[in-house]
């Protein structure tokens, strides 16, 4: 699986990278809050926001995967791609 690659459009790359940069900022914010001895509940709220941002990233990437990789794989007779997708979805839902 490590040798597989996905060609993404410039717009897809930009959207995903922008989400990651926002997430990176949120994580830095949590770190700063800890360093500054912020109230636990405030840190938890920020942490939950970061977790939600990761979920949003995963949802966007999954959409690209379904519309591109999975659709192309099925068209090309790659039946294993559906099993791979199901395993991934199961992990995302844990």
Protein backbone atom coordinates (compact mmCIF):
# COMPACT_ATOMS: atom_id res chain seq x y z
CA UNK A 1 0.00 0.00 0.00
CA UNK A 2 2.92 2.36 0.64
CA UNK A 3 3.77 2.44 -3.06
CA UNK A 4 0.36 3.71 -4.13
CA UNK A 5 0.00 7.38 -5.00
CA UNK A 6 -2.93 9.67 -5.64
CA UNK A 7 -2.73 12.55 -8.06
CA UNK A 8 -4.66 15.50 -6.64
CA UNK A 9 -5.69 18.71 -8.30
CA UNK A 10 -4.11 21.93 -7.13
CA UNK A 11 -7.46 22.91 -5.58
CA UNK A 12 -7.69 19.63 -3.65
CA UNK A 13 -4.14 19.99 -2.35
CA UNK A 14 -4.81 23.57 -1.32
CA UNK A 15 -8.02 22.66 0.52
CA UNK A 16 -6.39 19.79 2.40
CA UNK A 17 -3.27 21.78 3.29
CA UNK A 18 -5.37 24.72 4.48
CA UNK A 19 -7.29 22.39 6.80
CA UNK A 20 -4.02 20.99 8.14
CA UNK A 21 -2.62 24.47 8.75
CA UNK A 22 -5.72 25.47 10.71
CA UNK A 23 -5.41 22.25 12.68
CA UNK A 24 -1.74 22.93 13.34
CA UNK A 25 -2.69 26.33 14.73
CA UNK A 26 -5.30 24.77 16.99
CA UNK A 27 -2.79 22.25 18.34
CA UNK A 28 -0.29 25.04 19.00
CA UNK A 29 -3.05 26.86 20.82
CA UNK A 30 -3.67 23.85 23.07
CA UNK A 31 0.04 23.60 23.78
CA UNK A 32 0.20 27.29 24.69
CA UNK A 33 -2.81 26.93 26.97
CA UNK A 34 -1.07 24.13 28.85
CA UNK A 35 2.13 26.15 29.11
CA UNK A 36 0.13 29.07 30.51
CA UNK A 37 -1.75 26.88 33.02
CA UNK A 38 -5.13 27.54 31.42
CA UNK A 39 -8.26 26.12 33.04
CA UNK A 40 -8.69 22.40 32.21
CA UNK A 41 -12.18 22.81 30.78
CA UNK A 42 -10.98 25.56 28.43
CA UNK A 43 -8.20 23.27 27.19
CA UNK A 44 -10.68 20.44 26.71
CA UNK A 45 -12.93 22.71 24.66
CA UNK A 46 -10.01 23.67 22.41
CA UNK A 47 -8.93 20.03 22.16
CA UNK A 48 -12.42 18.97 21.10
CA UNK A 49 -12.35 21.69 18.47
CA UNK A 50 -9.07 20.27 17.12
CA UNK A 51 -10.56 16.76 17.10
CA UNK A 52 -13.50 18.10 15.11
CA UNK A 53 -11.06 19.70 12.67
CA UNK A 54 -9.35 16.33 12.17
CA UNK A 55 -12.76 14.77 11.51
CA UNK A 56 -13.44 17.46 8.91
CA UNK A 57 -10.09 16.79 7.25
CA UNK A 58 -10.77 13.05 7.19
CA UNK A 59 -14.24 13.59 5.72
CA UNK A 60 -12.89 15.80 2.95
CA UNK A 61 -10.07 13.39 2.14
CA UNK A 62 -12.48 10.43 2.22
CA UNK A 63 -14.70 12.24 -0.27
CA UNK A 64 -11.76 12.74 -2.63
CA UNK A 65 -10.82 9.08 -2.15
CA UNK A 66 -14.33 7.87 -2.98
CA UNK A 67 -14.74 10.11 -6.01
CA UNK A 68 -11.28 9.38 -7.35
CA UNK A 69 -9.36 6.34 -6.15
CA UNK A 70 -12.29 4.08 -5.32
CA UNK A 71 -14.34 5.00 -8.39
CA UNK A 72 -11.34 4.51 -10.67
CA UNK A 73 -10.42 1.25 -8.95
CA UNK A 74 -13.90 -0.19 -9.42
CA UNK A 75 -13.97 0.90 -13.07
CA UNK A 76 -10.62 -0.88 -13.55
CA UNK A 77 -11.79 -4.09 -11.88
CA UNK A 78 -9.94 -3.62 -8.57
CA UNK A 79 -12.31 -5.39 -6.18
CA UNK A 80 -9.85 -5.16 -3.29
CA UNK A 81 -10.29 -1.39 -3.13
CA UNK A 82 -13.77 -1.84 -1.64
CA UNK A 83 -12.38 -4.05 1.14
CA UNK A 84 -9.66 -1.48 1.75
CA UNK A 85 -12.28 1.26 1.94
CA UNK A 86 -14.42 -0.73 4.38
CA UNK A 87 -11.42 -1.27 6.68
CA UNK A 88 -10.67 2.45 6.58
CA UNK A 89 -14.27 3.42 7.33
CA UNK A 90 -14.35 1.01 10.27
CA UNK A 91 -11.22 2.65 11.70
CA UNK A 92 -12.65 6.13 11.17
CA UNK A 93 -15.81 5.17 13.04
CA UNK A 94 -14.02 3.92 16.17
